[in-house]
C-alpha atoms as a PDB file:
ATOM      1  CA  UNK A   1      13.995 -18.515  22.146  1.00  0.00           C
ATOM      2  CA  UNK A   2      10.732 -19.785  19.786  1.00  0.00           C
ATOM      3  CA  UNK A   3      10.747 -18.891  16.311  1.00  0.00           C
ATOM      4  CA  UNK A   4       7.468 -18.849  14.099  1.00  0.00           C
ATOM      5  CA  UNK A   5       6.484 -17.686  10.432  1.00  0.00           C
ATOM      6  CA  UNK A   6       3.976 -15.210   9.927  1.00  0.00           C
ATOM      7  CA  UNK A   7       1.176 -16.466   7.887  1.00  0.00           C
ATOM      8  CA  UNK A   8      -0.351 -14.260   4.896  1.00  0.00           C
ATOM      9  CA  UNK A   9       0.915 -13.524   1.669  1.00  0.00           C
ATOM     10  CA  UNK A  10       4.042 -11.477   2.796  1.00  0.00           C
ATOM     11  CA  UNK A  11       6.692 -12.419  -0.470  1.00  0.00           C
ATOM     12  CA  UNK A  12       8.967 -12.041   1.985  1.00  0.00           C
ATOM     13  CA  UNK A  13       9.003 -14.450   4.201  1.00  0.00           C
ATOM     14  CA  UNK A  14       8.374 -13.176   8.027  1.00  0.00           C
ATOM     15  CA  UNK A  15       8.751 -14.522  11.428  1.00  0.00           C
ATOM     16  CA  UNK A  16       8.390 -13.677  15.188  1.00  0.00           C
ATOM     17  CA  UNK A  17      11.373 -14.641  17.238  1.00  0.00           C
ATOM     18  CA  UNK A  18      10.287 -14.477  21.085  1.00  0.00           C
ATOM     19  CA  UNK A  19      13.166 -14.629  23.945  1.00  0.00           C
ATOM     20  CA  UNK A  20      13.204 -13.805  27.339  1.00  0.00           C
ATOM     21  CA  UNK A  21      14.098 -10.324  26.888  1.00  0.00           C
ATOM     22  CA  UNK A  22      12.427  -9.023  23.875  1.00  0.00           C
ATOM     23  CA  UNK A  23      10.653 -10.256  21.084  1.00  0.00           C
ATOM     24  CA  UNK A  24      11.842  -9.454  17.252  1.00  0.00           C
ATOM     25  CA  UNK A  25      10.631  -9.798  13.900  1.00  0.00           C
ATOM     26  CA  UNK A  26      12.915 -11.146  11.126  1.00  0.00           C
ATOM     27  CA  UNK A  27      12.171 -10.674   6.926  1.00  0.00           C
ATOM     28  CA  UNK A  28      14.240 -12.362   4.438  1.00  0.00           C
ATOM     29  CA  UNK A  29      15.019 -13.274   1.139  1.00  0.00           C
ATOM     30  CA  UNK A  30      13.103 -16.020  -0.133  1.00  0.00           C
ATOM     31  CA  UNK A  31      15.763 -18.687  -0.686  1.00  0.00           C
ATOM     32  CA  UNK A  32      16.824 -19.294  -4.589  1.00  0.00           C
ATOM     33  CA  UNK A  33      15.684 -15.356  -5.100  1.00  0.00           C
ATOM     34  CA  UNK A  34      18.376 -13.986  -7.757  1.00  0.00           C
ATOM     35  CA  UNK A  35      17.320 -11.360  -9.420  1.00  0.00           C
ATOM     36  CA  UNK A  36      18.526  -7.763  -7.573  1.00  0.00           C
ATOM     37  CA  UNK A  37      15.277  -5.773  -7.804  1.00  0.00           C
ATOM     38  CA  UNK A  38      13.366  -8.711  -6.382  1.00  0.00           C
ATOM     39  CA  UNK A  39      12.266  -9.007  -2.782  1.00  0.00           C
ATOM     40  CA  UNK A  40      14.578  -6.139  -1.819  1.00  0.00           C
ATOM     41  CA  UNK A  41      14.903  -6.422   2.080  1.00  0.00           C
ATOM     42  CA  UNK A  42      18.074  -4.220   1.847  1.00  0.00           C
ATOM     43  CA  UNK A  43      15.493  -1.400   0.605  1.00  0.00           C
ATOM     44  CA  UNK A  44      12.780  -2.091   3.177  1.00  0.00           C
ATOM     45  CA  UNK A  45      16.016  -1.828   6.014  1.00  0.00           C
ATOM     46  CA  UNK A  46      17.091   1.975   4.437  1.00  0.00           C
ATOM     47  CA  UNK A  47      13.638   3.091   4.667  1.00  0.00           C
ATOM     48  CA  UNK A  48      12.848   1.914   8.086  1.00  0.00           C
ATOM     49  CA  UNK A  49      16.445   3.451   9.059  1.00  0.00           C
ATOM     50  CA  UNK A  50      15.891   6.682   7.863  1.00  0.00           C
ATOM     51  CA  UNK A  51      12.216   6.859   8.928  1.00  0.00           C
ATOM     52  CA  UNK A  52      12.975   5.712  12.727  1.00  0.00           C
ATOM     53  CA  UNK A  53      15.535   8.111  12.661  1.00  0.00           C
ATOM     54  CA  UNK A  54      12.874  11.167  12.257  1.00  0.00           C
ATOM     55  CA  UNK A  55      10.932   9.576  15.097  1.00  0.00           C
ATOM     56  CA  UNK A  56       8.231   8.486  12.516  1.00  0.00           C
ATOM     57  CA  UNK A  57       6.212   5.694  13.605  1.00  0.00           C
ATOM     58  CA  UNK A  58       7.879   2.335  12.021  1.00  0.00           C
ATOM     59  CA  UNK A  59       9.236  -1.065  14.081  1.00  0.00           C
ATOM     60  CA  UNK A  60      13.145  -0.089  15.258  1.00  0.00           C
ATOM     61  CA  UNK A  61      15.385  -1.571  12.615  1.00  0.00           C
ATOM     62  CA  UNK A  62      18.166  -3.560  14.510  1.00  0.00           C
ATOM     63  CA  UNK A  63      20.135  -5.466  12.248  1.00  0.00           C
ATOM     64  CA  UNK A  64      20.780  -5.991   8.069  1.00  0.00           C
ATOM     65  CA  UNK A  65      22.831  -8.794   7.177  1.00  0.00           C
ATOM     66  CA  UNK A  66      23.425  -9.477   3.506  1.00  0.00           C
ATOM     67  CA  UNK A  67      25.520 -12.787   3.744  1.00  0.00           C
ATOM     68  CA  UNK A  68      23.408 -15.629   2.393  1.00  0.00           C
ATOM     69  CA  UNK A  69      25.101 -17.923   3.942  1.00  0.00           C
ATOM     70  CA  UNK A  70      24.099 -16.711   7.651  1.00  0.00           C
ATOM     71  CA  UNK A  71      20.550 -18.340   7.278  1.00  0.00           C
ATOM     72  CA  UNK A  72      20.538 -18.699   3.762  1.00  0.00           C
ATOM     73  CA  UNK A  73      19.302 -15.066   2.172  1.00  0.00           C
ATOM     74  CA  UNK A  74      19.808 -11.858   3.385  1.00  0.00           C
ATOM     75  CA  UNK A  75      17.704 -10.633   6.125  1.00  0.00           C
ATOM     76  CA  UNK A  76      16.978  -7.982   8.521  1.00  0.00           C
ATOM     77  CA  UNK A  77      15.517  -7.647  12.004  1.00  0.00           C
ATOM     78  CA  UNK A  78      13.605  -5.249  14.151  1.00  0.00           C
ATOM     79  CA  UNK A  79      11.610  -4.742  17.222  1.00  0.00           C
ATOM     80  CA  UNK A  80       8.302  -5.880  17.242  1.00  0.00           C
ATOM     81  CA  UNK A  81       6.249  -3.423  17.814  1.00  0.00           C
ATOM     82  CA  UNK A  82       2.529  -5.147  19.522  1.00  0.00           C
ATOM     83  CA  UNK A  83      -0.585  -3.320  18.094  1.00  0.00           C
ATOM     84  CA  UNK A  84      -3.804  -4.296  16.709  1.00  0.00           C
ATOM     85  CA  UNK A  85      -4.462  -4.896  12.744  1.00  0.00           C
ATOM     86  CA  UNK A  86      -8.086  -3.816  11.635  1.00  0.00           C
ATOM     87  CA  UNK A  87      -8.436  -5.976   8.781  1.00  0.00           C
ATOM     88  CA  UNK A  88     -12.052  -4.548   8.201  1.00  0.00           C
ATOM     89  CA  UNK A  89     -11.723  -1.191   7.184  1.00  0.00           C
ATOM     90  CA  UNK A  90     -14.970  -0.573   8.689  1.00  0.00           C
ATOM     91  CA  UNK A  91     -13.588  -1.395  12.251  1.00  0.00           C
ATOM     92  CA  UNK A  92     -16.451  -3.216  13.779  1.00  0.00           C
ATOM     93  CA  UNK A  93     -14.631  -3.572  17.201  1.00  0.00           C
ATOM     94  CA  UNK A  94     -14.422  -0.181  18.388  1.00  0.00           C
ATOM     95  CA  UNK A  95     -17.151   2.398  19.025  1.00  0.00           C
ATOM     96  CA  UNK A  96     -17.551   5.793  16.713  1.00  0.00           C
ATOM     97  CA  UNK A  97     -15.428   7.811  19.003  1.00  0.00           C
ATOM     98  CA  UNK A  98     -12.139   5.445  18.677  1.00  0.00           C
ATOM     99  CA  UNK A  99     -13.096   4.964  14.946  1.00  0.00           C
ATOM    100  CA  UNK A 100     -12.417   8.567  14.516  1.00  0.00           C
ATOM    101  CA  UNK A 101      -9.412   8.681  16.447  1.00  0.00           C
ATOM    102  CA  UNK A 102      -8.298   5.882  14.572  1.00  0.00           C
ATOM    103  CA  UNK A 103      -8.946   7.477  11.185  1.00  0.00           C
ATOM    104  CA  UNK A 104      -7.772  10.996  12.529  1.00  0.00           C
ATOM    105  CA  UNK A 105      -3.954   9.229  13.770  1.00  0.00           C
ATOM    106  CA  UNK A 106      -3.787   7.378  10.263  1.00  0.00           C
ATOM    107  CA  UNK A 107      -4.677  10.797   8.253  1.00  0.00           C
ATOM    108  CA  UNK A 108      -2.015  12.775  10.330  1.00  0.00           C
ATOM    109  CA  UNK A 109       0.594   9.479   9.850  1.00  0.00           C
ATOM    110  CA  UNK A 110       0.030   9.637   6.101  1.00  0.00           C
ATOM    111  CA  UNK A 111       0.383  13.643   6.101  1.00  0.00           C
ATOM    112  CA  UNK A 112       3.811  13.395   7.935  1.00  0.00           C
ATOM    113  CA  UNK A 113       5.252  10.540   5.811  1.00  0.00           C
ATOM    114  CA  UNK A 114       4.382  12.626   3.158  1.00  0.00           C
ATOM    115  CA  UNK A 115       6.156  15.737   4.546  1.00  0.00           C
ATOM    116  CA  UNK A 116       9.480  14.385   4.451  1.00  0.00           C
ATOM    117  CA  UNK A 117      12.058  15.291   1.493  1.00  0.00           C
ATOM    118  CA  UNK A 118      13.754  11.888   0.844  1.00  0.00           C
ATOM    119  CA  UNK A 119      17.022  13.151   0.513  1.00  0.00           C
ATOM    120  CA  UNK A 120      17.444  15.184   3.733  1.00  0.00           C
ATOM    121  CA  UNK A 121      16.670  12.252   5.546  1.00  0.00           C
ATOM    122  CA  UNK A 122      19.010  10.188   3.382  1.00  0.00           C
ATOM    123  CA  UNK A 123      16.733   8.548   0.973  1.00  0.00           C
ATOM    124  CA  UNK A 124      18.968  10.184  -1.893  1.00  0.00           C
ATOM    125  CA  UNK A 125      18.075   7.605  -4.855  1.00  0.00           C
ATOM    126  CA  UNK A 126      15.269   5.599  -3.797  1.00  0.00           C
ATOM    127  CA  UNK A 127      12.991   5.966  -6.572  1.00  0.00           C
ATOM    128  CA  UNK A 128      13.737   7.108 -10.042  1.00  0.00           C
ATOM    129  CA  UNK A 129      13.022   9.884 -11.738  1.00  0.00           C
ATOM    130  CA  UNK A 130      10.738  11.236 -14.192  1.00  0.00           C
ATOM    131  CA  UNK A 131       6.952  11.416 -13.917  1.00  0.00           C
ATOM    132  CA  UNK A 132       5.799   8.481 -11.284  1.00  0.00           C
ATOM    133  CA  UNK A 133       2.382   8.088 -13.004  1.00  0.00           C
ATOM    134  CA  UNK A 134       3.016   7.632 -15.904  1.00  0.00           C
ATOM    135  CA  UNK A 135       5.942   5.223 -15.396  1.00  0.00           C
ATOM    136  CA  UNK A 136       3.029   3.416 -13.263  1.00  0.00           C
ATOM    137  CA  UNK A 137       0.715   3.795 -15.757  1.00  0.00           C
ATOM    138  CA  UNK A 138       3.471   1.834 -18.193  1.00  0.00           C
ATOM    139  CA  UNK A 139       4.245  -0.735 -15.995  1.00  0.00           C
ATOM    140  CA  UNK A 140       0.667  -2.073 -14.752  1.00  0.00           C
ATOM    141  CA  UNK A 141      -0.546  -1.906 -18.662  1.00  0.00           C
ATOM    142  CA  UNK A 142       2.619  -4.145 -19.248  1.00  0.00           C
ATOM    143  CA  UNK A 143       1.866  -6.741 -16.138  1.00  0.00           C
ATOM    144  CA  UNK A 144      -1.737  -7.075 -16.881  1.00  0.00           C
ATOM    145  CA  UNK A 145      -1.310  -7.623 -21.061  1.00  0.00           C
ATOM    146  CA  UNK A 146       1.513 -10.118 -20.188  1.00  0.00           C
ATOM    147  CA  UNK A 147      -1.111 -11.871 -17.408  1.00  0.00           C
ATOM    148  CA  UNK A 148      -4.459 -11.253 -19.305  1.00  0.00           C
ATOM    149  CA  UNK A 149      -6.581 -14.444 -19.890  1.00  0.00           C
ATOM    150  CA  UNK A 150      -9.154 -12.906 -21.683  1.00  0.00           C
ATOM    151  CA  UNK A 151     -10.144  -9.645 -23.189  1.00  0.00           C
ATOM    152  CA  UNK A 152     -12.293  -6.982 -20.605  1.00  0.00           C
ATOM    153  CA  UNK A 153     -13.196  -4.216 -22.300  1.00  0.00           C
ATOM    154  CA  UNK A 154     -13.114  -1.815 -19.733  1.00  0.00           C
ATOM    155  CA  UNK A 155      -9.375  -2.788 -19.095  1.00  0.00           C
ATOM    156  CA  UNK A 156      -8.433  -2.045 -22.942  1.00  0.00           C
ATOM    157  CA  UNK A 157     -10.094   1.241 -22.746  1.00  0.00           C
ATOM    158  CA  UNK A 158      -8.234   2.515 -19.600  1.00  0.00           C
ATOM    159  CA  UNK A 159      -5.066   1.006 -21.032  1.00  0.00           C
ATOM    160  CA  UNK A 160      -5.886   3.303 -23.954  1.00  0.00           C
ATOM    161  CA  UNK A 161      -6.873   6.039 -21.907  1.00  0.00           C
ATOM    162  CA  UNK A 162      -4.642   6.710 -18.814  1.00  0.00           C
ATOM    163  CA  UNK A 163      -1.433   7.718 -20.619  1.00  0.00           C
ATOM    164  CA  UNK A 164      -3.077  10.885 -22.156  1.00  0.00           C
ATOM    165  CA  UNK A 165      -4.774  11.417 -18.725  1.00  0.00           C
ATOM    166  CA  UNK A 166      -1.712  11.508 -16.313  1.00  0.00           C
ATOM    167  CA  UNK A 167      -1.179  14.895 -15.149  1.00  0.00           C
ATOM    168  CA  UNK A 168       1.798  16.794 -16.674  1.00  0.00           C
ATOM    169  CA  UNK A 169       0.902  20.842 -15.728  1.00  0.00           C
ATOM    170  CA  UNK A 170       1.255  19.782 -12.077  1.00  0.00           C
ATOM    171  CA  UNK A 171       4.425  20.425  -9.965  1.00  0.00           C
ATOM    172  CA  UNK A 172       4.635  18.583  -7.057  1.00  0.00           C
ATOM    173  CA  UNK A 173       7.936  17.400  -4.952  1.00  0.00           C
ATOM    174  CA  UNK A 174       9.018  13.917  -4.745  1.00  0.00           C
ATOM    175  CA  UNK A 175       7.668  12.196  -1.466  1.00  0.00           C
ATOM    176  CA  UNK A 176       8.091   9.005  -0.175  1.00  0.00           C
ATOM    177  CA  UNK A 177       5.494   6.779  -1.520  1.00  0.00           C
ATOM    178  CA  UNK A 178       4.624   3.547   0.680  1.00  0.00           C
ATOM    179  CA  UNK A 179       2.554   1.521  -2.078  1.00  0.00           C
ATOM    180  CA  UNK A 180       0.547   0.055   0.021  1.00  0.00           C
ATOM    181  CA  UNK A 181      -0.737   2.331   2.977  1.00  0.00           C
ATOM    182  CA  UNK A 182      -4.256   0.353   3.980  1.00  0.00           C
ATOM    183  CA  UNK A 183      -5.633  -0.165   7.092  1.00  0.00           C
ATOM    184  CA  UNK A 184      -4.218  -4.006   7.268  1.00  0.00           C
ATOM    185  CA  UNK A 185      -0.308  -2.187   7.136  1.00  0.00           C
ATOM    186  CA  UNK A 186      -1.708  -0.105  10.065  1.00  0.00           C
ATOM    187  CA  UNK A 187      -0.321  -1.356  13.886  1.00  0.00           C
ATOM    188  CA  UNK A 188      -2.695   0.355  15.985  1.00  0.00           C
ATOM    189  CA  UNK A 189      -1.983   1.185  19.426  1.00  0.00           C
ATOM    190  CA  UNK A 190      -3.126  -2.084  21.667  1.00  0.00           C
ATOM    191  CA  UNK A 191      -5.233   0.466  23.996  1.00  0.00           C
ATOM    192  CA  UNK A 192      -5.218   4.059  22.660  1.00  0.00           C
ATOM    193  CA  UNK A 193      -6.689   4.858  19.439  1.00  0.00           C
ATOM    194  CA  UNK A 194      -3.356   6.147  17.344  1.00  0.00           C
ATOM    195  CA  UNK A 195      -1.176   4.579  15.297  1.00  0.00           C
ATOM    196  CA  UNK A 196       1.894   2.769  16.436  1.00  0.00           C
ATOM    197  CA  UNK A 197       3.766   1.952  13.431  1.00  0.00           C
ATOM    198  CA  UNK A 198       3.145   1.512  10.023  1.00  0.00           C
ATOM    199  CA  UNK A 199       4.705  -2.019   8.032  1.00  0.00           C
ATOM    200  CA  UNK A 200       5.196  -3.286   4.996  1.00  0.00           C
ATOM    201  CA  UNK A 201       7.358  -1.354   2.954  1.00  0.00           C
ATOM    202  CA  UNK A 202       7.979  -3.700   0.277  1.00  0.00           C
ATOM    203  CA  UNK A 203       6.092  -1.610  -2.061  1.00  0.00           C
ATOM    204  CA  UNK A 204       7.700   1.470  -0.918  1.00  0.00           C
ATOM    205  CA  UNK A 205       9.532   3.718  -3.524  1.00  0.00           C
ATOM    206  CA  UNK A 206       9.672   8.030  -4.343  1.00  0.00           C
ATOM    207  CA  UNK A 207       7.201   9.507  -6.445  1.00  0.00           C
ATOM    208  CA  UNK A 208       3.632  11.695  -6.068  1.00  0.00           C
ATOM    209  CA  UNK A 209       2.164  11.517  -3.066  1.00  0.00           C
ATOM    210  CA  UNK A 210      -0.803  11.565  -4.123  1.00  0.00           C
ATOM    211  CA  UNK A 211      -0.884   8.061  -5.598  1.00  0.00           C
ATOM    212  CA  UNK A 212      -0.263   6.923  -2.068  1.00  0.00           C
ATOM    213  CA  UNK A 213      -3.275   9.656  -0.682  1.00  0.00           C
ATOM    214  CA  UNK A 214      -5.578   8.070  -3.179  1.00  0.00           C
ATOM    215  CA  UNK A 215      -4.668   4.451  -3.161  1.00  0.00           C
ATOM    216  CA  UNK A 216      -5.526   4.544   0.720  1.00  0.00           C
ATOM    217  CA  UNK A 217      -8.885   6.510  -0.221  1.00  0.00           C
ATOM    218  CA  UNK A 218     -10.285   3.537  -1.812  1.00  0.00           C
ATOM    219  CA  UNK A 219     -11.072   2.233   1.304  1.00  0.00           C
ATOM    220  CA  UNK A 220     -13.817   4.655   0.890  1.00  0.00           C
ATOM    221  CA  UNK A 221     -14.321   4.396  -2.810  1.00  0.00           C
ATOM    222  CA  UNK A 222     -14.112   0.901  -3.302  1.00  0.00           C
ATOM    223  CA  UNK A 223     -16.952  -1.318  -4.623  1.00  0.00           C
ATOM    224  CA  UNK A 224     -18.497  -3.654  -2.247  1.00  0.00           C
ATOM    225  CA  UNK A 225     -18.129  -7.428  -2.887  1.00  0.00           C
ATOM    226  CA  UNK A 226     -14.811  -6.742  -3.934  1.00  0.00           C
ATOM    227  CA  UNK A 227     -12.416  -7.462  -1.189  1.00  0.00           C
ATOM    228  CA  UNK A 228     -12.541  -9.101   1.724  1.00  0.00           C
ATOM    229  CA  UNK A 229     -11.132  -6.173   3.564  1.00  0.00           C
ATOM    230  CA  UNK A 230     -14.485  -4.417   2.955  1.00  0.00           C
ATOM    231  CA  UNK A 231     -15.415  -1.060   1.853  1.00  0.00           C
ATOM    232  CA  UNK A 232     -16.542   2.075   3.278  1.00  0.00           C
ATOM    233  CA  UNK A 233     -18.716   3.180  -0.051  1.00  0.00           C
ATOM    234  CA  UNK A 234     -22.609   2.366   0.989  1.00  0.00           C
ATOM    235  CA  UNK A 235     -21.682   2.912   4.550  1.00  0.00           C
ATOM    236  CA  UNK A 236     -23.391   5.393   7.345  1.00  0.00           C
ATOM    237  CA  UNK A 237     -19.987   7.026   8.178  1.00  0.00           C
ATOM    238  CA  UNK A 238     -21.585   9.520  10.533  1.00  0.00           C
ATOM    239  CA  UNK A 239     -22.870   6.833  12.675  1.00  0.00           C
ATOM    240  CA  UNK A 240     -19.360   5.307  12.264  1.00  0.00           C
ATOM    241  CA  UNK A 241     -17.919   7.912  13.558  1.00  0.00           C
ATOM    242  CA  UNK A 242     -15.990   7.762  10.789  1.00  0.00           C
ATOM    243  CA  UNK A 243     -15.047  11.099   8.118  1.00  0.00           C
ATOM    244  CA  UNK A 244     -16.369  11.418   4.815  1.00  0.00           C
ATOM    245  CA  UNK A 245     -14.043  10.980   2.226  1.00  0.00           C
ATOM    246  CA  UNK A 246     -14.330  14.391   1.440  1.00  0.00           C
ATOM    247  CA  UNK A 247     -13.963  15.492   4.510  1.00  0.00           C
ATOM    248  CA  UNK A 248     -10.968  13.432   5.318  1.00  0.00           C
ATOM    249  CA  UNK A 249      -9.020  14.738   2.329  1.00  0.00           C
ATOM    250  CA  UNK A 250      -9.337  17.985   3.081  1.00  0.00           C
ATOM    251  CA  UNK A 251      -8.050  17.526   6.596  1.00  0.00           C
ATOM    252  CA  UNK A 252      -4.945  15.403   4.871  1.00  0.00           C
ATOM    253  CA  UNK A 253      -4.364  18.728   2.542  1.00  0.00           C
ATOM    254  CA  UNK A 254      -4.813  20.947   5.514  1.00  0.00           C
ATOM    255  CA  UNK A 255      -1.782  19.324   7.473  1.00  0.00           C
ATOM    256  CA  UNK A 256       0.303  19.318   4.229  1.00  0.00           C
ATOM    257  CA  UNK A 257      -0.281  23.117   3.845  1.00  0.00           C
ATOM    258  CA  UNK A 258      -1.276  22.354   0.378  1.00  0.00           C
ATOM    259  CA  UNK A 259      -4.685  23.727  -1.860  1.00  0.00           C
ATOM    260  CA  UNK A 260      -6.958  20.293  -2.554  1.00  0.00           C
ATOM    261  CA  UNK A 261      -6.647  19.027  -6.200  1.00  0.00           C
ATOM    262  CA  UNK A 262     -10.247  19.796  -8.271  1.00  0.00           C
ATOM    263  CA  UNK A 263     -10.162  16.601 -10.316  1.00  0.00           C
ATOM    264  CA  UNK A 264      -9.307  13.069  -8.782  1.00  0.00           C
ATOM    265  CA  UNK A 265     -10.650  11.195 -10.898  1.00  0.00           C
ATOM    266  CA  UNK A 266      -8.036  10.110 -12.607  1.00  0.00           C
ATOM    267  CA  UNK A 267      -6.024   9.069  -9.123  1.00  0.00           C
ATOM    268  CA  UNK A 268      -9.145   7.113  -8.440  1.00  0.00           C
ATOM    269  CA  UNK A 269      -9.684   5.501 -12.065  1.00  0.00           C
ATOM    270  CA  UNK A 270      -5.535   4.990 -11.772  1.00  0.00           C
ATOM    271  CA  UNK A 271      -5.288   3.195  -8.441  1.00  0.00           C
ATOM    272  CA  UNK A 272      -8.794   0.790  -8.990  1.00  0.00           C
ATOM    273  CA  UNK A 273      -6.914  -0.366 -12.618  1.00  0.00           C
ATOM    274  CA  UNK A 274      -3.532  -1.257 -10.711  1.00  0.00           C
ATOM    275  CA  UNK A 275      -5.355  -3.131  -8.536  1.00  0.00           C
ATOM    276  CA  UNK A 276      -7.166  -4.977 -11.050  1.00  0.00           C
ATOM    277  CA  UNK A 277      -3.973  -5.692 -12.879  1.00  0.00           C
ATOM    278  CA  UNK A 278      -2.300  -6.577  -9.946  1.00  0.00           C
ATOM    279  CA  UNK A 279      -4.976  -8.822  -9.159  1.00  0.00           C
ATOM    280  CA  UNK A 280      -4.822 -10.240 -12.671  1.00  0.00           C
ATOM    281  CA  UNK A 281      -1.504 -11.311 -12.053  1.00  0.00           C
ATOM    282  CA  UNK A 282      -1.748 -12.758  -9.038  1.00  0.00           C
ATOM    283  CA  UNK A 283      -4.485 -15.193 -10.843  1.00  0.00           C
ATOM    284  CA  UNK A 284      -2.825 -15.988 -13.568  1.00  0.00           C
ATOM    285  CA  UNK A 285       0.282 -17.232 -11.339  1.00  0.00           C
ATOM    286  CA  UNK A 286      -2.042 -19.269  -8.989  1.00  0.00           C
ATOM    287  CA  UNK A 287      -3.792 -20.622 -11.905  1.00  0.00           C
ATOM    288  CA  UNK A 288      -0.267 -21.712 -13.253  1.00  0.00           C
ATOM    289  CA  UNK A 289       0.616 -23.471 -10.345  1.00  0.00           C
ATOM    290  CA  UNK A 290       3.003 -20.877  -9.130  1.00  0.00           C
ATOM    291  CA  UNK A 291       1.224 -19.994  -6.327  1.00  0.00           C
ATOM    292  CA  UNK A 292      -1.364 -21.022  -4.172  1.00  0.00           C
ATOM    293  CA  UNK A 293      -4.449 -21.878  -7.155  1.00  0.00           C
ATOM    294  CA  UNK A 294      -7.168 -22.131  -3.932  1.00  0.00           C
ATOM    295  CA  UNK A 295      -8.364 -18.423  -4.952  1.00  0.00           C
ATOM    296  CA  UNK A 296      -7.199 -18.406  -8.272  1.00  0.00           C
ATOM    297  CA  UNK A 297     -10.508 -18.459  -9.537  1.00  0.00           C
ATOM    298  CA  UNK A 298     -12.069 -15.884  -6.826  1.00  0.00           C
ATOM    299  CA  UNK A 299      -9.167 -13.360  -7.849  1.00  0.00           C
ATOM    300  CA  UNK A 300     -10.023 -13.716 -11.930  1.00  0.00           C
ATOM    301  CA  UNK A 301     -14.004 -13.233 -11.118  1.00  0.00           C
ATOM    302  CA  UNK A 302     -12.928  -9.698  -9.330  1.00  0.00           C
ATOM    303  CA  UNK A 303     -10.581  -8.355 -12.041  1.00  0.00           C
ATOM    304  CA  UNK A 304     -13.445  -7.024 -14.468  1.00  0.00           C
ATOM    305  CA  UNK A 305     -15.945  -5.197 -12.269  1.00  0.00           C
ATOM    306  CA  UNK A 306     -12.465  -3.508 -10.570  1.00  0.00           C
ATOM    307  CA  UNK A 307     -12.091  -2.433 -13.986  1.00  0.00           C
ATOM    308  CA  UNK A 308     -15.923  -1.239 -14.707  1.00  0.00           C
ATOM    309  CA  UNK A 309     -15.261   0.604 -11.425  1.00  0.00           C
ATOM    310  CA  UNK A 310     -12.174   2.088 -12.916  1.00  0.00           C
ATOM    311  CA  UNK A 311     -13.874   2.972 -16.406  1.00  0.00           C
ATOM    312  CA  UNK A 312     -16.627   4.649 -14.589  1.00  0.00           C
ATOM    313  CA  UNK A 313     -14.271   7.106 -12.605  1.00  0.00           C
ATOM    314  CA  UNK A 314     -12.304   7.736 -15.696  1.00  0.00           C
ATOM    315  CA  UNK A 315     -15.975   8.651 -17.195  1.00  0.00           C
ATOM    316  CA  UNK A 316     -16.553  11.163 -14.449  1.00  0.00           C
ATOM    317  CA  UNK A 317     -12.623  12.391 -15.021  1.00  0.00           C
ATOM    318  CA  UNK A 318     -13.528  13.240 -18.719  1.00  0.00           C
ATOM    319  CA  UNK A 319     -12.848  10.281 -20.927  1.00  0.00           C
END
């Protein structure tokens, strides 16, 4: 058997295990982590088990071991799913027909995820009750303030505006929220333009599906030059074979059997704000020597443009 660790930014170390008969993936809690809520590989195993039982495309979970004495920390083992990851959302290696099919499959997969009643598939208590966006805005505002290196006027305005803009008159059922549903966490079949598996459930919870949908939709409205994974904003989507954001959202809501909300500005502003807060935290930890410092300056430099883009969305939403 051969073992090698995946490279990348996973906070839970991830390994691929090759045996003569089968290939597996192991995810473990980092050794020495004591906070019960941090790096919760047991939650990942739980949601994979629930979704796999429903036939949803996730890796098959095989074993969860909570005893840290076995390999030094709790871990779970899952089947390896072969596939392709398109880190660039423009999918330059595909032709227009393939891009269209991949986008439709990703859309259908997210709509299906959001169709599940968490309690009905064994995920009772997986998330906290209450207004999802109110919790999230408070969380990321607090985390940003704890790590800010200098005042960014757009972030100050967002922190003031977002709490009062949280939708409170919309009754939506609690749904599973992946938390990072984007191209780099979706395995595409090795030879066919369809989803093979959704991976990296570390940020998953339950809450308002609009958070997931509009985070994913950032592939279309993220400002250029911000993210190395690129953006669809400003691209000739028709030539690429990729639907417009409006068409993509309409198809999602058709699949859900729900009306499309009229004002999406809050959700766009919130998600850009959330990413700005996350990246500020990454930059702060890197600058303090608690993470790789090679890109600390680059990450910090992107926070203000993200915040400014978020504030433009907020203004469009009536701020």
